Amino acid sequence: MIFPVGHGAGPRSVGEYVVRVGGTAEVLSEPEFAVWVRAHQSDYTDQQHVDELLRRGLLVQVDDVNVFAQQYRLLPLYIGLGNRPDDPQQFAIGLPGLEPLAVVPATTYELWQWGWVAPSLWAHCEVLGTTQLEAVLDGVAELLADFVAVLDPVS
């Protein structure tokens, strides 16, 4: 499983895009940025750029979920819109007055809402008293696919 790391900050100039990772800004070419964006929604990536993006820390390959959870944290984007009136077990994320960008189950919403408080995904799981790291990975994948959170390396 491969995840994108960082927060897209938009175009820098024609054919160049900026992605913030921690306190640094990385400049990606248009093809590299396309791979980084696609990595949000699937494991499909253009191998031509994957190795370089992995080396630069813009992608992370999850081989060991324990190590991954200790090295990354989740930062929320957008606003929590609360649970859905038609399904109280589902929670919306987005902007007030617009259709939600994501509707997720309570456990994923909890990760989105409070994951940034803990210094790592691992610490977040310890607070919740869970060892279900695969379920946390599923939540991370869902939040990244909906572009409502970003992965940030633990500093």
N, C-alpha and C. Protein backbone atom coordinates (compact mmCIF):
# COMPACT_ATOMS: atom_id res chain seq x y z
N MET A 1 0.84 -1.17 0.00
CA MET A 1 0.00 0.00 0.00
C MET A 1 0.89 1.24 0.00
N ILE A 2 0.56 2.19 -0.85
CA ILE A 2 1.31 3.43 -0.96
C ILE A 2 0.38 4.59 -0.65
N PHE A 3 0.83 5.50 0.21
CA PHE A 3 0.06 6.69 0.57
C PHE A 3 0.83 7.95 0.17
N PRO A 4 0.12 9.00 -0.19
CA PRO A 4 0.77 10.29 -0.41
C PRO A 4 1.06 10.96 0.93
N VAL A 5 2.11 11.71 0.96
CA VAL A 5 2.49 12.46 2.17
C VAL A 5 2.48 13.93 1.82
N GLY A 6 1.94 14.75 2.70
CA GLY A 6 1.98 16.19 2.52
C GLY A 6 0.66 16.76 2.05
N HIS A 7 0.67 18.08 1.93
CA HIS A 7 -0.52 18.86 1.60
C HIS A 7 -0.27 19.64 0.32
N GLY A 8 -1.07 19.38 -0.69
CA GLY A 8 -0.93 20.11 -1.95
C GLY A 8 -1.18 21.59 -1.74
N ALA A 9 -0.24 22.40 -2.15
CA ALA A 9 -0.35 23.85 -1.95
C ALA A 9 -0.58 24.60 -3.26
N GLY A 10 -0.80 23.86 -4.34
CA GLY A 10 -1.15 24.51 -5.60
C GLY A 10 0.01 24.67 -6.56
N PRO A 11 -0.28 25.30 -7.71
CA PRO A 11 0.76 25.49 -8.72
C PRO A 11 1.76 26.56 -8.30
N ARG A 12 3.00 26.35 -8.69
CA ARG A 12 4.06 27.33 -8.44
C ARG A 12 4.27 28.16 -9.69
N SER A 13 4.33 27.48 -10.79
CA SER A 13 4.47 28.11 -12.11
C SER A 13 3.97 27.09 -13.12
N VAL A 14 4.05 27.41 -14.37
CA VAL A 14 3.57 26.50 -15.41
C VAL A 14 4.33 25.17 -15.29
N GLY A 15 3.58 24.08 -15.06
CA GLY A 15 4.19 22.76 -15.00
C GLY A 15 4.83 22.39 -13.69
N GLU A 16 4.72 23.25 -12.67
CA GLU A 16 5.31 22.96 -11.36
C GLU A 16 4.26 23.15 -10.27
N TYR A 17 4.28 22.22 -9.29
CA TYR A 17 3.31 22.25 -8.19
C TYR A 17 4.06 22.12 -6.87
N VAL A 18 3.47 22.71 -5.82
CA VAL A 18 4.09 22.68 -4.50
C VAL A 18 3.29 21.74 -3.60
N VAL A 19 4.02 20.91 -2.87
CA VAL A 19 3.44 20.06 -1.83
C VAL A 19 4.23 20.32 -0.56
N ARG A 20 3.51 20.70 0.49
CA ARG A 20 4.14 20.93 1.80
C ARG A 20 4.25 19.61 2.54
N VAL A 21 5.44 19.32 3.03
CA VAL A 21 5.68 18.15 3.86
C VAL A 21 6.37 18.65 5.11
N GLY A 22 5.67 18.56 6.24
CA GLY A 22 6.22 19.13 7.46
C GLY A 22 6.42 20.62 7.25
N GLY A 23 7.59 21.10 7.56
CA GLY A 23 7.89 22.52 7.41
C GLY A 23 8.56 22.88 6.10
N THR A 24 8.61 21.94 5.17
CA THR A 24 9.28 22.21 3.90
C THR A 24 8.29 22.20 2.74
N ALA A 25 8.69 22.81 1.66
CA ALA A 25 7.89 22.83 0.44
C ALA A 25 8.67 22.09 -0.64
N GLU A 26 8.04 21.10 -1.22
CA GLU A 26 8.64 20.33 -2.31
C GLU A 26 8.02 20.77 -3.62
N VAL A 27 8.82 20.95 -4.63
CA VAL A 27 8.32 21.31 -5.95
C VAL A 27 8.30 20.06 -6.81
N LEU A 28 7.12 19.77 -7.39
CA LEU A 28 6.94 18.60 -8.24
C LEU A 28 6.65 19.03 -9.67
N SER A 29 7.15 18.24 -10.60
CA SER A 29 6.79 18.46 -12.00
C SER A 29 5.33 18.04 -12.18
N GLU A 30 4.76 18.41 -13.30
CA GLU A 30 3.36 18.04 -13.56
C GLU A 30 3.15 16.52 -13.53
N PRO A 31 4.02 15.71 -14.17
CA PRO A 31 3.82 14.25 -14.09
C PRO A 31 3.98 13.71 -12.66
N GLU A 32 4.95 14.24 -11.91
CA GLU A 32 5.11 13.80 -10.52
C GLU A 32 3.89 14.16 -9.69
N PHE A 33 3.37 15.36 -9.89
CA PHE A 33 2.19 15.80 -9.14
C PHE A 33 0.99 14.92 -9.48
N ALA A 34 0.86 14.54 -10.74
CA ALA A 34 -0.25 13.66 -11.15
C ALA A 34 -0.16 12.32 -10.43
N VAL A 35 1.04 11.77 -10.29
CA VAL A 35 1.23 10.52 -9.56
C VAL A 35 0.87 10.72 -8.09
N TRP A 36 1.32 11.82 -7.50
CA TRP A 36 1.03 12.12 -6.10
C TRP A 36 -0.48 12.23 -5.88
N VAL A 37 -1.19 12.89 -6.78
CA VAL A 37 -2.65 13.03 -6.66
C VAL A 37 -3.32 11.67 -6.79
N ARG A 38 -2.92 10.87 -7.79
CA ARG A 38 -3.53 9.54 -7.98
C ARG A 38 -3.30 8.63 -6.78
N ALA A 39 -2.18 8.81 -6.09
CA ALA A 39 -1.88 7.98 -4.93
C ALA A 39 -2.88 8.20 -3.79
N HIS A 40 -3.64 9.29 -3.83
CA HIS A 40 -4.68 9.52 -2.82
C HIS A 40 -5.82 8.52 -2.96
N GLN A 41 -6.08 8.08 -4.17
CA GLN A 41 -7.29 7.32 -4.40
C GLN A 41 -7.07 5.87 -4.81
N SER A 42 -5.85 5.46 -4.97
CA SER A 42 -5.61 4.07 -5.32
C SER A 42 -4.13 3.76 -5.18
N ASP A 43 -3.85 2.49 -5.33
CA ASP A 43 -2.45 2.08 -5.35
C ASP A 43 -1.83 2.25 -6.73
N TYR A 44 -2.65 2.64 -7.72
CA TYR A 44 -2.11 2.83 -9.06
C TYR A 44 -1.16 4.02 -9.06
N THR A 45 0.02 3.77 -9.48
CA THR A 45 0.99 4.85 -9.63
C THR A 45 1.86 4.56 -10.84
N ASP A 46 2.39 5.61 -11.39
CA ASP A 46 3.28 5.51 -12.53
C ASP A 46 4.67 5.20 -11.97
N GLN A 47 5.12 3.96 -12.19
CA GLN A 47 6.38 3.53 -11.59
C GLN A 47 7.54 4.45 -11.95
N GLN A 48 7.43 5.15 -13.07
CA GLN A 48 8.49 6.04 -13.50
C GLN A 48 8.80 7.09 -12.41
N HIS A 49 7.78 7.53 -11.67
CA HIS A 49 7.98 8.59 -10.68
C HIS A 49 7.88 8.11 -9.24
N VAL A 50 7.39 6.89 -9.02
CA VAL A 50 7.17 6.40 -7.66
C VAL A 50 8.46 6.37 -6.86
N ASP A 51 9.50 5.78 -7.40
CA ASP A 51 10.76 5.65 -6.65
C ASP A 51 11.29 7.01 -6.22
N GLU A 52 11.23 7.97 -7.11
CA GLU A 52 11.72 9.32 -6.79
C GLU A 52 10.86 9.97 -5.70
N LEU A 53 9.54 9.82 -5.81
CA LEU A 53 8.65 10.41 -4.80
C LEU A 53 8.79 9.70 -3.45
N LEU A 54 9.04 8.40 -3.47
CA LEU A 54 9.32 7.68 -2.22
C LEU A 54 10.62 8.20 -1.60
N ARG A 55 11.64 8.36 -2.42
CA ARG A 55 12.94 8.85 -1.93
C ARG A 55 12.81 10.24 -1.32
N ARG A 56 11.99 11.08 -1.94
CA ARG A 56 11.83 12.46 -1.45
C ARG A 56 10.85 12.57 -0.30
N GLY A 57 10.19 11.48 0.08
CA GLY A 57 9.26 11.51 1.20
C GLY A 57 7.87 12.00 0.85
N LEU A 58 7.54 12.07 -0.44
CA LEU A 58 6.21 12.51 -0.88
C LEU A 58 5.24 11.35 -1.02
N LEU A 59 5.76 10.14 -1.03
CA LEU A 59 4.97 8.92 -0.96
C LEU A 59 5.60 8.06 0.13
N VAL A 60 4.76 7.25 0.77
CA VAL A 60 5.27 6.27 1.73
C VAL A 60 4.65 4.92 1.40
N GLN A 61 5.51 3.91 1.36
CA GLN A 61 5.03 2.55 1.13
C GLN A 61 4.88 1.89 2.49
N VAL A 62 3.69 1.38 2.76
CA VAL A 62 3.41 0.76 4.06
C VAL A 62 3.71 -0.72 3.94
N ASP A 63 4.89 -1.10 4.41
CA ASP A 63 5.27 -2.51 4.47
C ASP A 63 4.99 -3.07 5.86
N ASP A 64 5.21 -2.27 6.87
CA ASP A 64 4.98 -2.66 8.26
C ASP A 64 4.07 -1.60 8.88
N VAL A 65 2.83 -1.98 9.17
CA VAL A 65 1.84 -1.02 9.68
C VAL A 65 2.26 -0.42 11.01
N ASN A 66 2.98 -1.17 11.84
CA ASN A 66 3.43 -0.64 13.13
C ASN A 66 4.45 0.49 12.94
N VAL A 67 5.40 0.27 12.05
CA VAL A 67 6.42 1.29 11.78
C VAL A 67 5.75 2.53 11.17
N PHE A 68 4.87 2.30 10.19
CA PHE A 68 4.15 3.42 9.56
C PHE A 68 3.40 4.23 10.61
N ALA A 69 2.67 3.56 11.50
CA ALA A 69 1.87 4.26 12.51
C ALA A 69 2.73 5.06 13.48
N GLN A 70 3.96 4.64 13.67
CA GLN A 70 4.87 5.38 14.56
C GLN A 70 5.53 6.56 13.87
N GLN A 71 5.57 6.55 12.54
CA GLN A 71 6.30 7.57 11.80
C GLN A 71 5.43 8.66 11.18
N TYR A 72 4.10 8.49 11.22
CA TYR A 72 3.21 9.47 10.58
C TYR A 72 2.05 9.82 11.49
N ARG A 73 1.51 11.00 11.24
CA ARG A 73 0.29 11.43 11.91
C ARG A 73 -0.65 11.97 10.84
N LEU A 74 -1.92 12.09 11.21
CA LEU A 74 -2.94 12.54 10.29
C LEU A 74 -3.37 13.96 10.67
N LEU A 75 -3.38 14.84 9.70
CA LEU A 75 -3.82 16.21 9.94
C LEU A 75 -5.14 16.45 9.21
N PRO A 76 -6.15 16.94 9.93
CA PRO A 76 -7.45 17.14 9.29
C PRO A 76 -7.47 18.39 8.41
N LEU A 77 -8.28 18.33 7.38
CA LEU A 77 -8.58 19.49 6.54
C LEU A 77 -10.09 19.68 6.58
N TYR A 78 -10.56 20.86 6.33
CA TYR A 78 -11.98 21.18 6.29
C TYR A 78 -12.60 21.18 7.69
N ILE A 79 -13.92 21.10 7.75
CA ILE A 79 -14.67 21.29 8.99
C ILE A 79 -15.55 20.07 9.23
N GLY A 80 -15.63 19.66 10.49
CA GLY A 80 -16.55 18.59 10.84
C GLY A 80 -17.97 19.12 10.84
N LEU A 81 -18.85 18.42 10.13
CA LEU A 81 -20.24 18.86 10.00
C LEU A 81 -21.18 18.02 10.85
N GLY A 82 -20.64 17.13 11.67
CA GLY A 82 -21.46 16.33 12.57
C GLY A 82 -22.08 15.13 11.91
N ASN A 83 -22.92 14.45 12.71
CA ASN A 83 -23.52 13.23 12.17
C ASN A 83 -24.69 13.56 11.25
N ARG A 84 -24.97 12.62 10.37
CA ARG A 84 -26.01 12.80 9.36
C ARG A 84 -27.38 12.56 9.99
N PRO A 85 -28.34 13.44 9.76
CA PRO A 85 -29.67 13.26 10.33
C PRO A 85 -30.34 11.96 9.87
N ASP A 86 -30.07 11.55 8.64
CA ASP A 86 -30.68 10.33 8.10
C ASP A 86 -29.95 9.07 8.53
N ASP A 87 -28.71 9.20 9.06
CA ASP A 87 -27.93 8.05 9.52
C ASP A 87 -26.96 8.55 10.60
N PRO A 88 -27.39 8.53 11.86
CA PRO A 88 -26.58 9.11 12.95
C PRO A 88 -25.22 8.46 13.16
N GLN A 89 -24.98 7.29 12.55
CA GLN A 89 -23.68 6.63 12.69
C GLN A 89 -22.67 7.08 11.62
N GLN A 90 -23.10 7.96 10.73
CA GLN A 90 -22.23 8.49 9.69
C GLN A 90 -22.00 9.98 9.93
N PHE A 91 -20.77 10.43 9.75
CA PHE A 91 -20.40 11.81 10.04
C PHE A 91 -19.85 12.48 8.78
N ALA A 92 -20.20 13.75 8.62
CA ALA A 92 -19.83 14.49 7.41
C ALA A 92 -18.65 15.42 7.69
N ILE A 93 -17.86 15.62 6.65
CA ILE A 93 -16.71 16.52 6.68
C ILE A 93 -16.79 17.37 5.42
N GLY A 94 -16.55 18.66 5.55
CA GLY A 94 -16.59 19.53 4.37
C GLY A 94 -16.65 20.98 4.76
N LEU A 95 -17.50 21.74 4.07
CA LEU A 95 -17.70 23.16 4.32
C LEU A 95 -19.19 23.42 4.55
N PRO A 96 -19.51 24.24 5.55
CA PRO A 96 -20.92 24.52 5.83
C PRO A 96 -21.63 25.09 4.59
N GLY A 97 -22.85 24.63 4.38
CA GLY A 97 -23.65 25.12 3.27
C GLY A 97 -23.42 24.41 1.96
N LEU A 98 -22.41 23.54 1.90
CA LEU A 98 -22.12 22.78 0.68
C LEU A 98 -22.30 21.28 0.96
N GLU A 99 -22.41 20.51 -0.10
CA GLU A 99 -22.47 19.06 0.06
C GLU A 99 -21.18 18.58 0.74
N PRO A 100 -21.26 17.62 1.64
CA PRO A 100 -20.05 17.10 2.30
C PRO A 100 -19.05 16.54 1.29
N LEU A 101 -17.79 16.71 1.61
CA LEU A 101 -16.73 16.11 0.80
C LEU A 101 -16.54 14.65 1.16
N ALA A 102 -16.86 14.32 2.40
CA ALA A 102 -16.73 12.93 2.87
C ALA A 102 -17.83 12.66 3.89
N VAL A 103 -18.31 11.44 3.87
CA VAL A 103 -19.21 10.93 4.90
C VAL A 103 -18.60 9.62 5.36
N VAL A 104 -18.24 9.57 6.65
CA VAL A 104 -17.45 8.45 7.16
C VAL A 104 -18.08 7.88 8.44
N PRO A 105 -17.73 6.64 8.78
CA PRO A 105 -18.22 6.07 10.04
C PRO A 105 -17.58 6.75 11.24
N ALA A 106 -18.16 6.52 12.39
CA ALA A 106 -17.72 7.18 13.63
C ALA A 106 -16.24 6.97 13.93
N THR A 107 -15.72 5.76 13.72
CA THR A 107 -14.31 5.51 14.05
C THR A 107 -13.37 6.30 13.14
N THR A 108 -13.73 6.41 11.88
CA THR A 108 -12.91 7.20 10.94
C THR A 108 -13.02 8.68 11.27
N TYR A 109 -14.22 9.12 11.64
CA TYR A 109 -14.41 10.53 12.02
C TYR A 109 -13.58 10.86 13.26
N GLU A 110 -13.55 9.94 14.21
CA GLU A 110 -12.74 10.11 15.42
C GLU A 110 -11.26 10.28 15.06
N LEU A 111 -10.78 9.45 14.14
CA LEU A 111 -9.39 9.56 13.67
C LEU A 111 -9.17 10.92 13.02
N TRP A 112 -10.10 11.33 12.16
CA TRP A 112 -9.98 12.62 11.47
C TRP A 112 -10.00 13.77 12.48
N GLN A 113 -10.92 13.70 13.43
CA GLN A 113 -11.14 14.80 14.36
C GLN A 113 -10.02 14.93 15.39
N TRP A 114 -9.52 13.82 15.90
CA TRP A 114 -8.57 13.88 17.02
C TRP A 114 -7.19 13.33 16.71
N GLY A 115 -6.99 12.76 15.55
CA GLY A 115 -5.70 12.16 15.22
C GLY A 115 -4.54 13.13 15.28
N TRP A 116 -4.79 14.39 14.98
CA TRP A 116 -3.71 15.39 14.96
C TRP A 116 -3.22 15.73 16.36
N VAL A 117 -4.05 15.48 17.39
CA VAL A 117 -3.65 15.82 18.76
C VAL A 117 -2.52 14.90 19.22
N ALA A 118 -2.58 13.64 18.82
CA ALA A 118 -1.55 12.68 19.19
C ALA A 118 -0.31 12.91 18.32
N PRO A 119 0.86 12.61 18.85
CA PRO A 119 2.09 12.84 18.08
C PRO A 119 2.27 11.87 16.91
N SER A 120 1.49 10.79 16.86
CA SER A 120 1.58 9.83 15.75
C SER A 120 0.29 9.03 15.69
N LEU A 121 0.11 8.32 14.59
CA LEU A 121 -1.05 7.41 14.49
C LEU A 121 -0.97 6.33 15.57
N TRP A 122 0.24 5.90 15.88
CA TRP A 122 0.44 4.90 16.92
C TRP A 122 -0.05 5.42 18.27
N ALA A 123 0.33 6.64 18.61
CA ALA A 123 -0.10 7.23 19.88
C ALA A 123 -1.62 7.41 19.91
N HIS A 124 -2.21 7.76 18.77
CA HIS A 124 -3.67 7.88 18.69
C HIS A 124 -4.32 6.54 19.01
N CYS A 125 -3.78 5.46 18.47
CA CYS A 125 -4.31 4.13 18.74
C CYS A 125 -4.15 3.77 20.21
N GLU A 126 -3.03 4.15 20.81
CA GLU A 126 -2.84 3.88 22.24
C GLU A 126 -3.89 4.59 23.08
N VAL A 127 -4.20 5.84 22.74
CA VAL A 127 -5.21 6.59 23.47
C VAL A 127 -6.57 5.90 23.36
N LEU A 128 -6.88 5.39 22.17
CA LEU A 128 -8.15 4.70 21.97
C LEU A 128 -8.15 3.28 22.52
N GLY A 129 -6.96 2.80 22.86
CA GLY A 129 -6.85 1.44 23.38
C GLY A 129 -7.11 0.39 22.32
N THR A 130 -6.72 0.66 21.10
CA THR A 130 -6.95 -0.29 20.01
C THR A 130 -5.64 -0.81 19.44
N THR A 131 -5.67 -2.04 19.03
CA THR A 131 -4.53 -2.61 18.31
C THR A 131 -4.94 -2.93 16.88
N GLN A 132 -6.08 -2.41 16.47
CA GLN A 132 -6.62 -2.67 15.13
C GLN A 132 -6.01 -1.69 14.12
N LEU A 133 -4.71 -1.79 13.91
CA LEU A 133 -4.03 -0.84 13.03
C LEU A 133 -4.49 -0.96 11.58
N GLU A 134 -4.90 -2.14 11.16
CA GLU A 134 -5.40 -2.29 9.80
C GLU A 134 -6.67 -1.46 9.60
N ALA A 135 -7.54 -1.42 10.62
CA ALA A 135 -8.75 -0.60 10.54
C ALA A 135 -8.38 0.88 10.48
N VAL A 136 -7.34 1.26 11.21
CA VAL A 136 -6.87 2.65 11.16
C VAL A 136 -6.35 2.95 9.76
N LEU A 137 -5.63 2.02 9.15
CA LEU A 137 -5.15 2.21 7.78
C LEU A 137 -6.30 2.40 6.81
N ASP A 138 -7.36 1.63 7.00
CA ASP A 138 -8.54 1.80 6.14
C ASP A 138 -9.12 3.20 6.29
N GLY A 139 -9.17 3.71 7.54
CA GLY A 139 -9.66 5.07 7.78
C GLY A 139 -8.77 6.11 7.14
N VAL A 140 -7.45 5.92 7.26
CA VAL A 140 -6.50 6.85 6.63
C VAL A 140 -6.72 6.85 5.12
N ALA A 141 -6.84 5.67 4.53
CA ALA A 141 -7.04 5.58 3.07
C ALA A 141 -8.32 6.30 2.66
N GLU A 142 -9.40 6.13 3.42
CA GLU A 142 -10.67 6.78 3.08
C GLU A 142 -10.56 8.30 3.18
N LEU A 143 -9.92 8.79 4.23
CA LEU A 143 -9.79 10.24 4.42
C LEU A 143 -8.88 10.86 3.36
N LEU A 144 -7.81 10.16 2.99
CA LEU A 144 -6.92 10.67 1.94
C LEU A 144 -7.62 10.65 0.59
N ALA A 145 -8.40 9.61 0.31
CA ALA A 145 -9.10 9.50 -0.96
C ALA A 145 -10.11 10.63 -1.14
N ASP A 146 -10.69 11.08 -0.03
CA ASP A 146 -11.66 12.18 -0.08
C ASP A 146 -10.99 13.56 0.04
N PHE A 147 -9.66 13.57 0.17
CA PHE A 147 -8.88 14.81 0.28
C PHE A 147 -9.32 15.67 1.47
N VAL A 148 -9.70 15.02 2.59
CA VAL A 148 -10.12 15.78 3.78
C VAL A 148 -9.09 15.66 4.91
N ALA A 149 -7.96 15.03 4.63
CA ALA A 149 -6.86 14.92 5.60
C ALA A 149 -5.57 14.72 4.83
N VAL A 150 -4.47 14.94 5.51
CA VAL A 150 -3.15 14.72 4.93
C VAL A 150 -2.28 13.97 5.92
N LEU A 151 -1.34 13.21 5.39
CA LEU A 151 -0.34 12.56 6.22
C LEU A 151 0.84 13.50 6.40
N ASP A 152 1.35 13.52 7.62
CA ASP A 152 2.49 14.36 7.93
C ASP A 152 3.51 13.51 8.67
N PRO A 153 4.79 13.58 8.31
CA PRO A 153 5.76 12.79 9.05
C PRO A 153 5.92 13.31 10.47
N VAL A 154 6.14 12.38 11.39
CA VAL A 154 6.38 12.76 12.78
C VAL A 154 7.74 13.44 12.84
N SER A 155 7.80 14.55 13.52
CA SER A 155 9.08 15.25 13.59
C SER A 155 9.85 14.94 14.84
